[in-house]
Protein backbone atom coordinates (compact mmCIF):
# COMPACT_ATOMS: atom_id res chain seq x y z
CA MET A 1 16.32 1.52 -3.34
CA SER A 2 16.68 3.33 -0.04
CA GLY A 3 14.46 4.76 2.65
CA ALA A 4 14.53 8.37 3.83
CA ASP A 5 17.13 7.61 6.49
CA GLY A 6 19.44 6.00 3.93
CA GLU A 7 18.67 2.40 4.84
CA THR A 8 18.89 0.34 1.68
CA GLY A 9 16.61 -2.48 0.77
CA ALA A 10 14.80 -4.19 -2.02
CA VAL A 11 11.20 -4.37 -3.12
CA ARG A 12 10.17 -7.64 -4.67
CA LYS A 13 6.98 -9.42 -5.63
CA LEU A 14 5.74 -11.73 -2.89
CA VAL A 15 4.50 -15.25 -3.54
CA LEU A 16 2.04 -17.43 -1.67
CA ASP A 17 3.81 -19.61 0.89
CA ASP A 18 3.70 -20.08 4.66
CA ALA A 19 6.70 -17.85 5.34
CA THR A 20 5.23 -14.99 3.32
CA LEU A 21 1.85 -15.34 4.99
CA ALA A 22 3.49 -15.32 8.42
CA ALA A 23 5.52 -12.21 7.56
CA LEU A 24 2.45 -10.40 6.22
CA GLN A 25 0.44 -11.37 9.31
CA ALA A 26 3.19 -10.03 11.58
CA ILE A 27 2.84 -6.63 9.91
CA GLU A 28 -0.97 -6.74 9.84
CA SER A 29 -1.01 -7.50 13.58
CA THR A 30 0.48 -4.03 14.17
CA GLN A 31 -2.45 -2.34 12.38
CA ALA A 32 -5.78 -1.16 13.78
CA HIS A 33 -7.76 -3.03 11.08
CA GLY A 34 -5.46 -5.74 9.69
CA LEU A 35 -6.26 -8.39 7.10
CA SER A 36 -6.68 -12.03 8.13
CA ARG A 37 -4.41 -14.88 6.98
CA CYS A 38 -7.22 -16.08 4.68
CA GLN A 39 -7.65 -12.62 3.13
CA LEU A 40 -3.90 -12.32 2.58
CA ALA A 41 -3.78 -15.77 0.94
CA ASP A 42 -6.65 -14.75 -1.35
CA VAL A 43 -4.77 -11.62 -2.45
CA LEU A 44 -1.54 -13.54 -3.08
CA SER A 45 -3.35 -16.13 -5.21
CA ASP A 46 -5.35 -13.60 -7.28
CA ALA A 47 -3.82 -13.17 -10.75
CA SER A 48 -5.20 -9.62 -11.04
CA ARG A 49 -3.41 -8.50 -7.87
CA CYS A 50 0.20 -8.14 -6.84
CA ILE A 51 1.85 -7.72 -3.44
CA LEU A 52 5.26 -6.07 -3.40
CA GLY A 53 7.29 -6.32 -0.18
CA TRP A 54 10.16 -4.24 1.23
CA HIS A 55 13.09 -6.15 2.72
CA ALA A 56 15.90 -4.15 4.35
CA SER A 57 19.40 -5.03 3.18
CA ALA A 58 20.56 -5.37 6.80
CA THR A 59 17.81 -7.92 7.60
CA PRO A 60 16.63 -9.40 4.28
CA GLU A 61 14.66 -12.14 6.02
CA ARG A 62 12.40 -9.58 7.71
CA LEU A 63 9.54 -8.08 5.73
CA ALA A 64 9.22 -4.43 6.78
CA GLY A 65 6.23 -3.41 4.67
CA PHE A 66 4.15 -4.18 1.63
CA VAL A 67 1.86 -2.68 -1.00
CA VAL A 68 -1.15 -4.40 -2.57
CA LEU A 69 -1.95 -3.52 -6.19
CA ALA A 70 -5.00 -4.55 -8.17
CA ARG A 71 -5.06 -4.43 -11.97
CA GLY A 72 -8.34 -3.76 -13.72
CA PRO A 73 -9.09 -3.34 -17.43
CA PHE A 74 -8.55 0.45 -17.45
CA GLU A 75 -7.04 1.36 -14.08
CA ALA A 76 -4.85 -0.03 -11.36
CA GLU A 77 -5.51 0.56 -7.68
CA ILE A 78 -3.32 0.65 -4.61
CA GLU A 79 -5.46 -1.27 -2.14
CA ALA A 80 -3.05 -0.94 0.79
CA ILE A 81 0.39 0.29 1.74
CA THR A 82 1.37 -1.06 5.13
CA VAL A 83 4.62 -0.59 7.05
CA HIS A 84 5.36 -2.37 10.31
CA ALA A 85 4.46 0.04 13.12
CA ASP A 86 8.00 -0.16 14.57
CA LEU A 87 9.58 0.83 11.25
CA ARG A 88 7.54 3.84 10.18
CA GLY A 89 9.23 7.12 9.35
CA GLN A 90 12.17 5.50 7.58
CA GLY A 91 11.05 6.03 3.98
CA ILE A 92 9.76 2.48 3.49
CA GLY A 93 6.27 3.70 2.57
CA ARG A 94 7.79 6.05 -0.02
CA ALA A 95 9.85 3.21 -1.51
CA LEU A 96 6.77 0.97 -1.67
CA LEU A 97 4.71 3.72 -3.31
CA GLN A 98 7.42 4.28 -5.92
CA ALA A 99 7.57 0.53 -6.62
CA ALA A 100 3.77 0.46 -7.02
CA ILE A 101 3.88 3.36 -9.46
CA GLU A 102 6.63 1.64 -11.46
CA ARG A 103 4.62 -1.62 -11.59
CA ALA A 104 1.48 0.26 -12.69
CA ARG A 105 3.49 1.99 -15.44
CA GLN A 106 4.72 -1.42 -16.62
CA TRP A 107 1.08 -2.52 -16.79
CA HIS A 108 0.26 0.72 -18.64
CA HIS A 109 2.84 -0.04 -21.31
CA ALA A 110 1.68 -3.65 -21.60
CA THR A 111 -2.10 -3.16 -21.48
CA GLY A 112 -2.87 0.55 -21.70
CA LEU A 113 -3.97 1.19 -18.11
CA GLU A 114 -4.79 4.88 -17.77
CA ARG A 115 -4.59 5.72 -14.05
CA LEU A 116 -3.41 4.52 -10.69
CA LEU A 117 -6.06 4.98 -8.01
CA LEU A 118 -6.06 4.94 -4.22
CA GLU A 119 -8.13 6.10 -1.30
CA VAL A 120 -6.82 7.48 1.97
CA ARG A 121 -8.31 8.56 5.28
CA ALA A 122 -8.90 12.30 5.17
CA GLY A 123 -7.15 12.64 8.53
CA ASN A 124 -4.01 10.75 7.50
CA ASP A 125 -1.88 13.82 6.84
CA ALA A 126 1.39 11.91 6.40
CA ALA A 127 -0.06 9.59 3.73
CA ARG A 128 -1.83 12.46 1.95
CA ALA A 129 1.45 14.39 1.76
CA LEU A 130 3.30 11.31 0.48
CA TYR A 131 0.73 10.75 -2.27
CA ALA A 132 0.62 14.43 -3.26
CA HIS A 133 4.43 14.52 -3.46
CA ALA A 134 4.28 11.52 -5.83
CA GLY A 135 1.86 13.39 -8.12
CA PHE A 136 -1.52 12.05 -6.98
CA HIS A 137 -4.49 14.44 -7.12
CA VAL A 138 -7.72 14.38 -5.13
CA ASP A 139 -10.64 13.38 -7.37
CA GLY A 140 -13.42 13.13 -4.79
CA VAL A 141 -14.56 12.26 -1.29
CA ARG A 142 -16.47 9.31 0.16
CA ARG A 143 -18.23 10.76 3.19
CA GLY A 144 -18.16 8.63 6.34
CA TYR A 145 -16.38 5.75 4.59
CA TYR A 146 -13.96 4.56 7.29
CA PRO A 147 -14.76 3.59 10.87
CA ALA A 148 -13.08 6.16 13.10
CA LEU A 149 -9.91 5.11 14.83
CA PRO A 150 -9.85 5.17 18.64
CA PRO A 151 -10.29 7.27 20.73
CA ALA A 152 -13.22 8.56 18.61
CA PRO A 153 -16.73 7.96 19.97
CA SER A 154 -18.40 4.77 18.78
CA GLY A 155 -20.26 5.19 15.51
CA THR A 156 -18.06 8.09 14.36
CA ARG A 157 -16.82 7.71 10.80
CA GLU A 158 -14.08 9.35 8.73
CA ASP A 159 -14.11 10.49 5.11
CA ALA A 160 -12.00 8.83 2.42
CA LEU A 161 -10.24 10.94 -0.19
CA LEU A 162 -10.15 9.40 -3.67
CA MET A 163 -6.88 10.12 -5.43
CA SER A 164 -5.39 9.27 -8.81
CA LEU A 165 -2.19 9.49 -10.82
CA SER A 166 -2.16 9.48 -14.62
CA LEU A 167 0.03 6.71 -16.05
CA GLU A 168 0.36 8.35 -19.46
């Protein structure tokens, strides 16, 4: 699998251990609203969730990004796609999204899941374009769902777009 700039790498399922938690925390620390070590450990130990991580071929020991998937009885959901702030724009997010879609399709064939869901900030044009290119469609809006990112005035909130992709 390769990023947009041709860098090759591999996406693999992450497991709960100290090294994985440290790598995930390093990425989360570059985010405006990152998950805590405890939250990450909970996700990694939850049998209904899966974290897939991108490791570049040139530096396989460094986790560059990850995607969190949750499997429900009828649908799967992408809960997060996160790429280290220093590594954005290299196609890693696209590779992670494709890996998430492939995993959801495996679940579809095994259990009959119907759709892959996600939500995205309405103002995140790059992510919206990525999801639309992958075949996701907007199903609805959650008004004022996200806290606004700085430099927005305190109390300002941003809409979430609800998107889905059929797995059939």
